[in-house]
């Protein structure tokens, strides 16, 4: 009897010891979880979100360049094909389908999405759409969160098109997404395609010279975009209701919260694509000339985007050339507009 009692006692002690061990393990896991919840967001903030958007800037992940002679595949005679075809029209005839005065009235100017995303969003280094459906969702410093492709399109509607966001489930949004997927059929998922975005650009180590930019504009841009940046309006049978060459400042162009309102972004686009017909590998303008003329263009008035102060919740993520405050530094606003960007 005594031996049985000892065996039972020892067995009970071992069980109790095991339970205590499990409880200690659970407590340890809880402490680790709390530490992670506290310190990981702090680290992300301290590093300016670099962990979150490292993929978007990893050039080693890029694959072969987008073809300069890219041809849009034929649209299938299916519901999806017809939707993609409508998406193509929305991008090239934006002003006629959803511009001011139309039933939907989504955009606030008479530009087309194709005014910046050239050749229906297929020209390399002109912010093409090819491959975008495979790399979104993507982190955005402007919102400090991972956003969808639909949200990115709405950002363009609100800024570049000076309009309003639309329902992500609307026919128009679904059509644009379908079109992007249509031209991205051969692009990989999870990897950037070289040619997305803009050309490489060596930022001059000086402030942009608006006076020199005016001369570049007069000699290179004025013929198409007009003496006063008013653009060339379409005619019957040729972009009627829109522009053959878009205005670059004034009331009917991108607002001051758009990407093109940033000097470096505008200079990259100009260098790789302007005057019309120029390609990324044979630019007409030098980095210096593109830099100066971008400053000249953006020195003029344009529509004002409301609530810009809410952009970039983490000010460390704000690009140096963002022309509007607040900033995390004491650099004058004019230097953020025209440089030098040696800070």
C-alpha atoms as a PDB file:
ATOM      1  CA  UNK A   1       0.000   0.000   0.000  1.00  0.00           C
ATOM      2  CA  UNK A   2       2.811   2.364   0.898  1.00  0.00           C
ATOM      3  CA  UNK A   3       4.541   1.752  -2.454  1.00  0.00           C
ATOM      4  CA  UNK A   4       1.303   2.418  -4.338  1.00  0.00           C
ATOM      5  CA  UNK A   5       0.834   5.678  -2.447  1.00  0.00           C
ATOM      6  CA  UNK A   6       4.368   6.793  -3.278  1.00  0.00           C
ATOM      7  CA  UNK A   7       3.882   5.934  -6.960  1.00  0.00           C
ATOM      8  CA  UNK A   8       0.620   7.912  -7.076  1.00  0.00           C
ATOM      9  CA  UNK A   9       2.213  10.817  -5.239  1.00  0.00           C
ATOM     10  CA  UNK A  10       5.167  10.891  -7.613  1.00  0.00           C
ATOM     11  CA  UNK A  11       2.842  10.672 -10.614  1.00  0.00           C
ATOM     12  CA  UNK A  12       0.790  13.619  -9.317  1.00  0.00           C
ATOM     13  CA  UNK A  13       3.903  15.662  -8.722  1.00  0.00           C
ATOM     14  CA  UNK A  14       5.127  15.021 -12.252  1.00  0.00           C
ATOM     15  CA  UNK A  15       1.739  16.033 -13.701  1.00  0.00           C
ATOM     16  CA  UNK A  16       1.728  19.224 -11.648  1.00  0.00           C
ATOM     17  CA  UNK A  17       5.278  19.961 -12.739  1.00  0.00           C
ATOM     18  CA  UNK A  18       4.272  19.463 -16.391  1.00  0.00           C
ATOM     19  CA  UNK A  19       1.324  21.807 -16.017  1.00  0.00           C
ATOM     20  CA  UNK A  20       3.555  24.464 -14.452  1.00  0.00           C
ATOM     21  CA  UNK A  21       6.001  24.044 -17.332  1.00  0.00           C
ATOM     22  CA  UNK A  22       3.260  24.510 -19.895  1.00  0.00           C
ATOM     23  CA  UNK A  23       2.033  27.641 -18.102  1.00  0.00           C
ATOM     24  CA  UNK A  24       5.555  29.075 -18.059  1.00  0.00           C
ATOM     25  CA  UNK A  25       5.828  28.372 -21.809  1.00  0.00           C
ATOM     26  CA  UNK A  26       2.480  30.086 -22.485  1.00  0.00           C
ATOM     27  CA  UNK A  27       3.537  33.115 -20.435  1.00  0.00           C
ATOM     28  CA  UNK A  28       6.802  33.309 -22.351  1.00  0.00           C
ATOM     29  CA  UNK A  29       4.959  33.243 -25.684  1.00  0.00           C
ATOM     30  CA  UNK A  30       2.625  35.982 -24.465  1.00  0.00           C
ATOM     31  CA  UNK A  31       5.571  38.179 -23.472  1.00  0.00           C
ATOM     32  CA  UNK A  32       7.218  37.641 -26.873  1.00  0.00           C
ATOM     33  CA  UNK A  33       3.976  38.552 -28.662  1.00  0.00           C
ATOM     34  CA  UNK A  34       3.636  41.740 -26.621  1.00  0.00           C
ATOM     35  CA  UNK A  35       7.226  42.707 -27.390  1.00  0.00           C
ATOM     36  CA  UNK A  36       6.663  42.146 -31.103  1.00  0.00           C
ATOM     37  CA  UNK A  37       3.444  44.157 -31.096  1.00  0.00           C
ATOM     38  CA  UNK A  38       5.217  47.060 -29.403  1.00  0.00           C
ATOM     39  CA  UNK A  39       8.589  47.147 -31.127  1.00  0.00           C
ATOM     40  CA  UNK A  40       7.966  46.002 -34.719  1.00  0.00           C
ATOM     41  CA  UNK A  41       5.778  49.047 -35.591  1.00  0.00           C
ATOM     42  CA  UNK A  42       8.385  51.270 -33.923  1.00  0.00           C
ATOM     43  CA  UNK A  43      11.156  49.761 -36.030  1.00  0.00           C
ATOM     44  CA  UNK A  44       9.086  50.162 -39.201  1.00  0.00           C
ATOM     45  CA  UNK A  45       8.446  53.796 -38.334  1.00  0.00           C
ATOM     46  CA  UNK A  46      12.105  54.396 -37.471  1.00  0.00           C
ATOM     47  CA  UNK A  47      13.185  52.991 -40.815  1.00  0.00           C
ATOM     48  CA  UNK A  48      10.641  55.097 -42.682  1.00  0.00           C
ATOM     49  CA  UNK A  49       8.732  52.076 -43.901  1.00  0.00           C
ATOM     50  CA  UNK A  50      11.788  50.752 -45.750  1.00  0.00           C
ATOM     51  CA  UNK A  51      10.921  47.174 -44.876  1.00  0.00           C
ATOM     52  CA  UNK A  52       7.434  47.544 -46.291  1.00  0.00           C
ATOM     53  CA  UNK A  53       8.411  48.992 -49.644  1.00  0.00           C
ATOM     54  CA  UNK A  54      11.787  47.379 -50.218  1.00  0.00           C
ATOM     55  CA  UNK A  55      10.334  45.147 -52.929  1.00  0.00           C
ATOM     56  CA  UNK A  56       9.007  48.067 -54.908  1.00  0.00           C
ATOM     57  CA  UNK A  57      12.530  49.488 -55.229  1.00  0.00           C
ATOM     58  CA  UNK A  58      14.454  46.265 -55.756  1.00  0.00           C
ATOM     59  CA  UNK A  59      15.810  46.646 -59.277  1.00  0.00           C
ATOM     60  CA  UNK A  60      17.388  43.198 -59.104  1.00  0.00           C
ATOM     61  CA  UNK A  61      13.846  41.793 -59.224  1.00  0.00           C
ATOM     62  CA  UNK A  62      13.217  43.354 -62.637  1.00  0.00           C
ATOM     63  CA  UNK A  63      12.964  41.211 -65.764  1.00  0.00           C
ATOM     64  CA  UNK A  64      13.365  41.997 -69.456  1.00  0.00           C
ATOM     65  CA  UNK A  65      12.367  45.430 -70.669  1.00  0.00           C
ATOM     66  CA  UNK A  66       8.906  46.240 -72.013  1.00  0.00           C
ATOM     67  CA  UNK A  67       9.080  46.187 -75.801  1.00  0.00           C
ATOM     68  CA  UNK A  68       9.233  49.587 -77.463  1.00  0.00           C
ATOM     69  CA  UNK A  69       6.967  48.117 -80.162  1.00  0.00           C
ATOM     70  CA  UNK A  70       4.463  46.559 -77.809  1.00  0.00           C
ATOM     71  CA  UNK A  71       1.199  45.718 -79.541  1.00  0.00           C
ATOM     72  CA  UNK A  72      -2.016  45.527 -77.566  1.00  0.00           C
ATOM     73  CA  UNK A  73      -3.411  41.993 -77.979  1.00  0.00           C
ATOM     74  CA  UNK A  74      -6.815  41.733 -79.699  1.00  0.00           C
ATOM     75  CA  UNK A  75      -9.755  41.864 -77.323  1.00  0.00           C
ATOM     76  CA  UNK A  76     -11.724  38.619 -77.059  1.00  0.00           C
ATOM     77  CA  UNK A  77     -15.394  38.610 -77.998  1.00  0.00           C
ATOM     78  CA  UNK A  78     -16.320  37.753 -74.430  1.00  0.00           C
ATOM     79  CA  UNK A  79     -17.693  39.723 -71.516  1.00  0.00           C
ATOM     80  CA  UNK A  80     -14.172  40.080 -70.099  1.00  0.00           C
ATOM     81  CA  UNK A  81     -12.770  41.053 -73.504  1.00  0.00           C
ATOM     82  CA  UNK A  82     -15.422  43.709 -74.024  1.00  0.00           C
ATOM     83  CA  UNK A  83     -14.793  45.038 -70.536  1.00  0.00           C
ATOM     84  CA  UNK A  84     -11.046  45.295 -71.240  1.00  0.00           C
ATOM     85  CA  UNK A  85     -11.785  47.083 -74.520  1.00  0.00           C
ATOM     86  CA  UNK A  86     -13.936  49.592 -72.639  1.00  0.00           C
ATOM     87  CA  UNK A  87     -11.035  50.032 -70.216  1.00  0.00           C
ATOM     88  CA  UNK A  88      -8.770  50.905 -73.144  1.00  0.00           C
ATOM     89  CA  UNK A  89     -11.260  53.527 -74.292  1.00  0.00           C
ATOM     90  CA  UNK A  90     -11.485  54.955 -70.777  1.00  0.00           C
ATOM     91  CA  UNK A  91      -7.719  55.444 -70.785  1.00  0.00           C
ATOM     92  CA  UNK A  92      -7.468  56.941 -74.270  1.00  0.00           C
ATOM     93  CA  UNK A  93     -10.805  58.816 -74.365  1.00  0.00           C
ATOM     94  CA  UNK A  94     -11.166  59.703 -70.697  1.00  0.00           C
ATOM     95  CA  UNK A  95     -12.472  63.224 -71.379  1.00  0.00           C
ATOM     96  CA  UNK A  96     -15.262  61.906 -73.654  1.00  0.00           C
ATOM     97  CA  UNK A  97     -16.477  59.081 -71.409  1.00  0.00           C
ATOM     98  CA  UNK A  98     -16.073  60.313 -67.833  1.00  0.00           C
ATOM     99  CA  UNK A  99     -14.834  63.895 -68.180  1.00  0.00           C
ATOM    100  CA  UNK A 100     -16.506  67.196 -67.226  1.00  0.00           C
ATOM    101  CA  UNK A 101     -19.990  67.502 -68.672  1.00  0.00           C
ATOM    102  CA  UNK A 102     -20.467  63.748 -69.133  1.00  0.00           C
ATOM    103  CA  UNK A 103     -23.088  61.777 -67.228  1.00  0.00           C
ATOM    104  CA  UNK A 104     -20.501  60.329 -64.839  1.00  0.00           C
ATOM    105  CA  UNK A 105     -18.356  63.460 -64.551  1.00  0.00           C
ATOM    106  CA  UNK A 106     -15.506  61.710 -62.742  1.00  0.00           C
ATOM    107  CA  UNK A 107     -12.551  63.758 -63.930  1.00  0.00           C
ATOM    108  CA  UNK A 108     -12.221  67.472 -63.316  1.00  0.00           C
ATOM    109  CA  UNK A 109     -10.126  68.213 -66.384  1.00  0.00           C
ATOM    110  CA  UNK A 110     -10.257  67.227 -70.039  1.00  0.00           C
ATOM    111  CA  UNK A 111      -7.037  65.255 -70.107  1.00  0.00           C
ATOM    112  CA  UNK A 112      -6.884  61.557 -70.894  1.00  0.00           C
ATOM    113  CA  UNK A 113      -5.128  59.005 -68.742  1.00  0.00           C
ATOM    114  CA  UNK A 114      -3.053  58.474 -71.883  1.00  0.00           C
ATOM    115  CA  UNK A 115      -1.746  62.045 -71.628  1.00  0.00           C
ATOM    116  CA  UNK A 116       0.874  60.693 -69.207  1.00  0.00           C
ATOM    117  CA  UNK A 117       0.573  56.920 -69.707  1.00  0.00           C
ATOM    118  CA  UNK A 118       1.535  57.134 -73.352  1.00  0.00           C
ATOM    119  CA  UNK A 119       0.402  54.756 -76.101  1.00  0.00           C
ATOM    120  CA  UNK A 120      -2.490  53.476 -74.040  1.00  0.00           C
ATOM    121  CA  UNK A 121      -0.182  52.765 -71.111  1.00  0.00           C
ATOM    122  CA  UNK A 122       2.232  50.586 -73.090  1.00  0.00           C
ATOM    123  CA  UNK A 123       5.207  52.898 -73.791  1.00  0.00           C
ATOM    124  CA  UNK A 124       8.233  51.925 -71.689  1.00  0.00           C
ATOM    125  CA  UNK A 125       9.436  54.539 -69.195  1.00  0.00           C
ATOM    126  CA  UNK A 126       6.192  56.508 -69.594  1.00  0.00           C
ATOM    127  CA  UNK A 127       4.590  54.987 -66.488  1.00  0.00           C
ATOM    128  CA  UNK A 128       3.189  52.002 -68.453  1.00  0.00           C
ATOM    129  CA  UNK A 129       0.491  49.764 -67.039  1.00  0.00           C
ATOM    130  CA  UNK A 130       2.116  46.548 -68.233  1.00  0.00           C
ATOM    131  CA  UNK A 131       2.792  44.242 -65.305  1.00  0.00           C
ATOM    132  CA  UNK A 132       1.080  46.390 -62.663  1.00  0.00           C
ATOM    133  CA  UNK A 133      -1.574  43.775 -61.925  1.00  0.00           C
ATOM    134  CA  UNK A 134       1.250  41.435 -60.880  1.00  0.00           C
ATOM    135  CA  UNK A 135       2.944  43.740 -58.348  1.00  0.00           C
ATOM    136  CA  UNK A 136      -0.045  45.245 -56.548  1.00  0.00           C
ATOM    137  CA  UNK A 137      -0.980  45.529 -53.706  1.00  0.00           C
ATOM    138  CA  UNK A 138       2.022  47.760 -53.010  1.00  0.00           C
ATOM    139  CA  UNK A 139       3.187  49.997 -50.181  1.00  0.00           C
ATOM    140  CA  UNK A 140       2.650  53.741 -50.637  1.00  0.00           C
ATOM    141  CA  UNK A 141       4.458  56.295 -48.523  1.00  0.00           C
ATOM    142  CA  UNK A 142       1.812  58.894 -49.329  1.00  0.00           C
ATOM    143  CA  UNK A 143      -0.781  56.855 -47.432  1.00  0.00           C
ATOM    144  CA  UNK A 144       1.699  54.876 -45.294  1.00  0.00           C
ATOM    145  CA  UNK A 145      -0.019  51.610 -46.030  1.00  0.00           C
ATOM    146  CA  UNK A 146      -0.257  48.851 -48.571  1.00  0.00           C
ATOM    147  CA  UNK A 147      -2.785  49.826 -51.209  1.00  0.00           C
ATOM    148  CA  UNK A 148      -4.549  48.096 -54.082  1.00  0.00           C
ATOM    149  CA  UNK A 149      -4.267  48.891 -57.767  1.00  0.00           C
ATOM    150  CA  UNK A 150      -7.812  50.260 -57.605  1.00  0.00           C
ATOM    151  CA  UNK A 151      -6.741  52.719 -54.910  1.00  0.00           C
ATOM    152  CA  UNK A 152      -3.775  53.766 -57.027  1.00  0.00           C
ATOM    153  CA  UNK A 153      -6.073  54.476 -59.968  1.00  0.00           C
ATOM    154  CA  UNK A 154      -8.348  56.519 -57.725  1.00  0.00           C
ATOM    155  CA  UNK A 155      -5.317  58.507 -56.634  1.00  0.00           C
ATOM    156  CA  UNK A 156      -4.751  59.435 -60.277  1.00  0.00           C
ATOM    157  CA  UNK A 157      -8.388  60.407 -60.671  1.00  0.00           C
ATOM    158  CA  UNK A 158      -8.161  62.728 -57.680  1.00  0.00           C
ATOM    159  CA  UNK A 159      -4.781  64.253 -58.534  1.00  0.00           C
ATOM    160  CA  UNK A 160      -3.615  63.946 -62.130  1.00  0.00           C
ATOM    161  CA  UNK A 161      -7.185  64.156 -63.419  1.00  0.00           C
ATOM    162  CA  UNK A 162      -8.233  66.660 -60.728  1.00  0.00           C
ATOM    163  CA  UNK A 163     -11.429  64.689 -60.184  1.00  0.00           C
ATOM    164  CA  UNK A 164     -12.937  62.288 -57.697  1.00  0.00           C
ATOM    165  CA  UNK A 165     -12.507  58.696 -56.611  1.00  0.00           C
ATOM    166  CA  UNK A 166     -14.967  56.096 -57.869  1.00  0.00           C
ATOM    167  CA  UNK A 167     -16.419  52.909 -56.430  1.00  0.00           C
ATOM    168  CA  UNK A 168     -13.821  50.152 -56.758  1.00  0.00           C
ATOM    169  CA  UNK A 169     -16.609  47.819 -57.893  1.00  0.00           C
ATOM    170  CA  UNK A 170     -17.965  50.170 -60.546  1.00  0.00           C
ATOM    171  CA  UNK A 171     -17.997  49.111 -64.193  1.00  0.00           C
ATOM    172  CA  UNK A 172     -15.420  51.778 -65.019  1.00  0.00           C
ATOM    173  CA  UNK A 173     -12.942  50.596 -62.398  1.00  0.00           C
ATOM    174  CA  UNK A 174     -13.430  46.952 -63.329  1.00  0.00           C
ATOM    175  CA  UNK A 175     -12.901  47.858 -66.993  1.00  0.00           C
ATOM    176  CA  UNK A 176      -9.620  49.630 -66.315  1.00  0.00           C
ATOM    177  CA  UNK A 177      -8.376  46.742 -64.187  1.00  0.00           C
ATOM    178  CA  UNK A 178      -9.414  44.297 -66.934  1.00  0.00           C
ATOM    179  CA  UNK A 179      -7.484  46.304 -69.507  1.00  0.00           C
ATOM    180  CA  UNK A 180      -4.359  46.376 -67.337  1.00  0.00           C
ATOM    181  CA  UNK A 181      -4.610  42.611 -66.881  1.00  0.00           C
ATOM    182  CA  UNK A 182      -5.177  42.215 -70.628  1.00  0.00           C
ATOM    183  CA  UNK A 183      -1.897  43.904 -71.554  1.00  0.00           C
ATOM    184  CA  UNK A 184      -0.106  42.182 -68.656  1.00  0.00           C
ATOM    185  CA  UNK A 185      -0.857  38.613 -69.752  1.00  0.00           C
ATOM    186  CA  UNK A 186       2.787  37.799 -70.424  1.00  0.00           C
ATOM    187  CA  UNK A 187       4.213  39.726 -67.471  1.00  0.00           C
ATOM    188  CA  UNK A 188       5.322  37.808 -64.383  1.00  0.00           C
ATOM    189  CA  UNK A 189       3.540  37.957 -61.051  1.00  0.00           C
ATOM    190  CA  UNK A 190       5.558  39.379 -58.184  1.00  0.00           C
ATOM    191  CA  UNK A 191       8.345  40.894 -60.291  1.00  0.00           C
ATOM    192  CA  UNK A 192       8.783  44.307 -61.804  1.00  0.00           C
ATOM    193  CA  UNK A 193       9.198  44.681 -65.537  1.00  0.00           C
ATOM    194  CA  UNK A 194      12.024  46.977 -66.583  1.00  0.00           C
ATOM    195  CA  UNK A 195      10.467  50.018 -68.195  1.00  0.00           C
ATOM    196  CA  UNK A 196       7.821  50.549 -65.525  1.00  0.00           C
ATOM    197  CA  UNK A 197       8.024  54.036 -64.077  1.00  0.00           C
ATOM    198  CA  UNK A 198      10.488  56.481 -65.617  1.00  0.00           C
ATOM    199  CA  UNK A 199      14.083  56.716 -66.855  1.00  0.00           C
ATOM    200  CA  UNK A 200      17.083  56.965 -64.582  1.00  0.00           C
ATOM    201  CA  UNK A 201      17.903  60.577 -63.898  1.00  0.00           C
ATOM    202  CA  UNK A 202      20.970  62.260 -62.419  1.00  0.00           C
ATOM    203  CA  UNK A 203      19.616  65.083 -60.259  1.00  0.00           C
ATOM    204  CA  UNK A 204      21.758  68.192 -60.799  1.00  0.00           C
ATOM    205  CA  UNK A 205      23.450  69.401 -57.629  1.00  0.00           C
ATOM    206  CA  UNK A 206      21.884  72.836 -57.834  1.00  0.00           C
ATOM    207  CA  UNK A 207      18.585  74.598 -57.772  1.00  0.00           C
ATOM    208  CA  UNK A 208      16.631  74.372 -60.997  1.00  0.00           C
ATOM    209  CA  UNK A 209      16.925  77.490 -63.145  1.00  0.00           C
ATOM    210  CA  UNK A 210      13.405  78.579 -64.111  1.00  0.00           C
ATOM    211  CA  UNK A 211      14.783  81.155 -66.562  1.00  0.00           C
ATOM    212  CA  UNK A 212      16.770  78.519 -68.455  1.00  0.00           C
ATOM    213  CA  UNK A 213      13.715  76.264 -68.272  1.00  0.00           C
ATOM    214  CA  UNK A 214      11.681  78.963 -70.017  1.00  0.00           C
ATOM    215  CA  UNK A 215      14.158  78.931 -72.910  1.00  0.00           C
ATOM    216  CA  UNK A 216      14.016  75.137 -73.142  1.00  0.00           C
ATOM    217  CA  UNK A 217      10.217  75.356 -73.170  1.00  0.00           C
ATOM    218  CA  UNK A 218      10.245  77.990 -75.908  1.00  0.00           C
ATOM    219  CA  UNK A 219      12.632  76.002 -78.083  1.00  0.00           C
ATOM    220  CA  UNK A 220      11.316  72.489 -77.478  1.00  0.00           C
ATOM    221  CA  UNK A 221       7.802  72.424 -75.989  1.00  0.00           C
ATOM    222  CA  UNK A 222       5.958  75.530 -77.074  1.00  0.00           C
ATOM    223  CA  UNK A 223       5.087  74.339 -80.582  1.00  0.00           C
ATOM    224  CA  UNK A 224       2.830  71.613 -79.198  1.00  0.00           C
ATOM    225  CA  UNK A 225       1.815  72.818 -75.747  1.00  0.00           C
ATOM    226  CA  UNK A 226       1.332  76.496 -76.582  1.00  0.00           C
ATOM    227  CA  UNK A 227       2.945  79.757 -75.545  1.00  0.00           C
ATOM    228  CA  UNK A 228       0.929  79.843 -72.353  1.00  0.00           C
ATOM    229  CA  UNK A 229       0.918  76.100 -71.671  1.00  0.00           C
ATOM    230  CA  UNK A 230      -2.674  75.896 -72.872  1.00  0.00           C
ATOM    231  CA  UNK A 231      -2.164  72.824 -75.058  1.00  0.00           C
ATOM    232  CA  UNK A 232      -3.820  72.138 -78.402  1.00  0.00           C
ATOM    233  CA  UNK A 233      -7.513  71.277 -78.277  1.00  0.00           C
ATOM    234  CA  UNK A 234      -8.949  68.378 -80.239  1.00  0.00           C
ATOM    235  CA  UNK A 235     -11.053  68.858 -83.323  1.00  0.00           C
ATOM    236  CA  UNK A 236     -13.916  66.943 -84.913  1.00  0.00           C
ATOM    237  CA  UNK A 237     -12.685  63.427 -85.537  1.00  0.00           C
ATOM    238  CA  UNK A 238      -9.455  64.002 -83.634  1.00  0.00           C
ATOM    239  CA  UNK A 239      -9.871  63.865 -79.842  1.00  0.00           C
ATOM    240  CA  UNK A 240     -12.860  66.178 -79.921  1.00  0.00           C
ATOM    241  CA  UNK A 241     -13.603  67.448 -76.433  1.00  0.00           C
ATOM    242  CA  UNK A 242     -10.075  66.668 -75.276  1.00  0.00           C
ATOM    243  CA  UNK A 243      -6.593  67.661 -76.336  1.00  0.00           C
ATOM    244  CA  UNK A 244      -4.242  66.640 -79.101  1.00  0.00           C
ATOM    245  CA  UNK A 245      -1.460  68.010 -76.886  1.00  0.00           C
ATOM    246  CA  UNK A 246      -2.423  68.500 -73.230  1.00  0.00           C
ATOM    247  CA  UNK A 247      -2.157  71.776 -71.306  1.00  0.00           C
ATOM    248  CA  UNK A 248       0.714  71.899 -68.813  1.00  0.00           C
ATOM    249  CA  UNK A 249      -0.626  74.548 -66.465  1.00  0.00           C
ATOM    250  CA  UNK A 250      -3.798  76.509 -65.879  1.00  0.00           C
ATOM    251  CA  UNK A 251      -7.236  75.311 -64.811  1.00  0.00           C
ATOM    252  CA  UNK A 252      -7.540  72.282 -67.100  1.00  0.00           C
ATOM    253  CA  UNK A 253      -4.541  70.234 -66.050  1.00  0.00           C
ATOM    254  CA  UNK A 254      -3.178  68.156 -63.152  1.00  0.00           C
ATOM    255  CA  UNK A 255      -3.473  69.657 -59.688  1.00  0.00           C
ATOM    256  CA  UNK A 256      -0.704  70.553 -57.251  1.00  0.00           C
ATOM    257  CA  UNK A 257      -1.032  67.237 -55.405  1.00  0.00           C
ATOM    258  CA  UNK A 258      -0.233  65.131 -58.483  1.00  0.00           C
ATOM    259  CA  UNK A 259       3.029  63.305 -59.013  1.00  0.00           C
ATOM    260  CA  UNK A 260       3.809  65.503 -62.021  1.00  0.00           C
ATOM    261  CA  UNK A 261       3.725  68.542 -59.733  1.00  0.00           C
ATOM    262  CA  UNK A 262       6.966  67.217 -58.232  1.00  0.00           C
ATOM    263  CA  UNK A 263      10.068  68.509 -60.004  1.00  0.00           C
ATOM    264  CA  UNK A 264      12.083  65.278 -60.158  1.00  0.00           C
ATOM    265  CA  UNK A 265       9.112  63.156 -61.284  1.00  0.00           C
ATOM    266  CA  UNK A 266       8.237  65.638 -64.040  1.00  0.00           C
ATOM    267  CA  UNK A 267      11.890  65.872 -65.153  1.00  0.00           C
ATOM    268  CA  UNK A 268      12.161  62.077 -65.470  1.00  0.00           C
ATOM    269  CA  UNK A 269       9.009  61.902 -67.573  1.00  0.00           C
ATOM    270  CA  UNK A 270      10.130  64.771 -69.781  1.00  0.00           C
ATOM    271  CA  UNK A 271      13.619  63.381 -70.352  1.00  0.00           C
ATOM    272  CA  UNK A 272      12.389  59.950 -71.442  1.00  0.00           C
ATOM    273  CA  UNK A 273       9.388  61.033 -73.506  1.00  0.00           C
ATOM    274  CA  UNK A 274       9.490  64.641 -74.647  1.00  0.00           C
ATOM    275  CA  UNK A 275       9.190  66.067 -77.191  1.00  0.00           C
ATOM    276  CA  UNK A 276       6.667  63.498 -78.359  1.00  0.00           C
ATOM    277  CA  UNK A 277       8.341  60.647 -80.180  1.00  0.00           C
ATOM    278  CA  UNK A 278      11.490  60.603 -78.067  1.00  0.00           C
ATOM    279  CA  UNK A 279      12.408  57.266 -76.484  1.00  0.00           C
ATOM    280  CA  UNK A 280      14.158  56.475 -73.229  1.00  0.00           C
ATOM    281  CA  UNK A 281      17.314  55.288 -74.976  1.00  0.00           C
ATOM    282  CA  UNK A 282      17.616  58.304 -77.276  1.00  0.00           C
ATOM    283  CA  UNK A 283      16.558  61.369 -75.258  1.00  0.00           C
ATOM    284  CA  UNK A 284      16.700  64.825 -76.794  1.00  0.00           C
ATOM    285  CA  UNK A 285      17.045  66.788 -73.569  1.00  0.00           C
ATOM    286  CA  UNK A 286      19.853  66.432 -71.059  1.00  0.00           C
ATOM    287  CA  UNK A 287      19.209  65.873 -67.368  1.00  0.00           C
ATOM    288  CA  UNK A 288      19.944  69.562 -66.780  1.00  0.00           C
ATOM    289  CA  UNK A 289      17.509  70.742 -69.451  1.00  0.00           C
ATOM    290  CA  UNK A 290      14.723  68.389 -68.303  1.00  0.00           C
ATOM    291  CA  UNK A 291      15.307  69.559 -64.723  1.00  0.00           C
ATOM    292  CA  UNK A 292      15.036  73.243 -65.616  1.00  0.00           C
ATOM    293  CA  UNK A 293      12.028  72.954 -67.926  1.00  0.00           C
ATOM    294  CA  UNK A 294      10.148  70.838 -65.351  1.00  0.00           C
ATOM    295  CA  UNK A 295      10.698  73.620 -62.817  1.00  0.00           C
ATOM    296  CA  UNK A 296       9.465  76.194 -65.316  1.00  0.00           C
ATOM    297  CA  UNK A 297       6.301  74.214 -66.073  1.00  0.00           C
ATOM    298  CA  UNK A 298       5.526  73.667 -62.399  1.00  0.00           C
ATOM    299  CA  UNK A 299       6.211  77.315 -61.526  1.00  0.00           C
ATOM    300  CA  UNK A 300       2.837  78.201 -63.050  1.00  0.00           C
ATOM    301  CA  UNK A 301      -0.544  78.047 -61.377  1.00  0.00           C
ATOM    302  CA  UNK A 302      -2.728  74.958 -61.494  1.00  0.00           C
ATOM    303  CA  UNK A 303      -5.726  73.526 -59.574  1.00  0.00           C
ATOM    304  CA  UNK A 304      -5.251  73.133 -55.836  1.00  0.00           C
ATOM    305  CA  UNK A 305      -5.711  69.703 -54.252  1.00  0.00           C
ATOM    306  CA  UNK A 306      -7.594  69.859 -50.964  1.00  0.00           C
ATOM    307  CA  UNK A 307      -6.239  68.242 -47.787  1.00  0.00           C
ATOM    308  CA  UNK A 308      -2.685  67.759 -49.071  1.00  0.00           C
ATOM    309  CA  UNK A 309      -1.424  68.250 -45.519  1.00  0.00           C
ATOM    310  CA  UNK A 310      -2.789  64.788 -44.722  1.00  0.00           C
ATOM    311  CA  UNK A 311      -0.438  63.155 -47.229  1.00  0.00           C
ATOM    312  CA  UNK A 312       2.577  61.233 -45.866  1.00  0.00           C
ATOM    313  CA  UNK A 313       1.521  60.515 -42.266  1.00  0.00           C
ATOM    314  CA  UNK A 314       5.182  59.627 -41.680  1.00  0.00           C
ATOM    315  CA  UNK A 315       6.967  62.763 -42.854  1.00  0.00           C
ATOM    316  CA  UNK A 316      10.233  60.850 -43.221  1.00  0.00           C
ATOM    317  CA  UNK A 317       8.606  59.168 -46.238  1.00  0.00           C
ATOM    318  CA  UNK A 318       7.868  62.470 -47.952  1.00  0.00           C
ATOM    319  CA  UNK A 319       9.967  62.895 -51.130  1.00  0.00           C
ATOM    320  CA  UNK A 320      12.468  65.732 -51.057  1.00  0.00           C
ATOM    321  CA  UNK A 321      10.793  67.366 -54.067  1.00  0.00           C
ATOM    322  CA  UNK A 322       7.287  67.325 -52.593  1.00  0.00           C
ATOM    323  CA  UNK A 323       6.317  70.975 -53.123  1.00  0.00           C
ATOM    324  CA  UNK A 324       3.889  71.329 -50.232  1.00  0.00           C
ATOM    325  CA  UNK A 325       4.300  71.176 -46.431  1.00  0.00           C
ATOM    326  CA  UNK A 326       4.410  69.971 -43.729  1.00  0.00           C
ATOM    327  CA  UNK A 327       7.995  68.705 -43.668  1.00  0.00           C
ATOM    328  CA  UNK A 328      10.023  66.993 -40.992  1.00  0.00           C
ATOM    329  CA  UNK A 329      12.979  69.292 -41.700  1.00  0.00           C
ATOM    330  CA  UNK A 330      13.610  73.046 -41.608  1.00  0.00           C
ATOM    331  CA  UNK A 331      14.419  73.290 -45.321  1.00  0.00           C
ATOM    332  CA  UNK A 332      12.534  76.209 -46.968  1.00  0.00           C
ATOM    333  CA  UNK A 333       9.528  75.194 -49.048  1.00  0.00           C
ATOM    334  CA  UNK A 334      11.008  76.764 -52.172  1.00  0.00           C
ATOM    335  CA  UNK A 335      14.032  74.479 -51.898  1.00  0.00           C
ATOM    336  CA  UNK A 336      11.699  71.494 -51.749  1.00  0.00           C
ATOM    337  CA  UNK A 337      10.177  72.827 -54.974  1.00  0.00           C
ATOM    338  CA  UNK A 338      13.262  73.593 -57.069  1.00  0.00           C
ATOM    339  CA  UNK A 339      16.261  72.236 -55.140  1.00  0.00           C
ATOM    340  CA  UNK A 340      19.077  71.828 -54.588  1.00  0.00           C
ATOM    341  CA  UNK A 341      18.090  68.449 -53.150  1.00  0.00           C
ATOM    342  CA  UNK A 342      21.376  67.886 -51.324  1.00  0.00           C
ATOM    343  CA  UNK A 343      19.713  67.380 -47.957  1.00  0.00           C
END
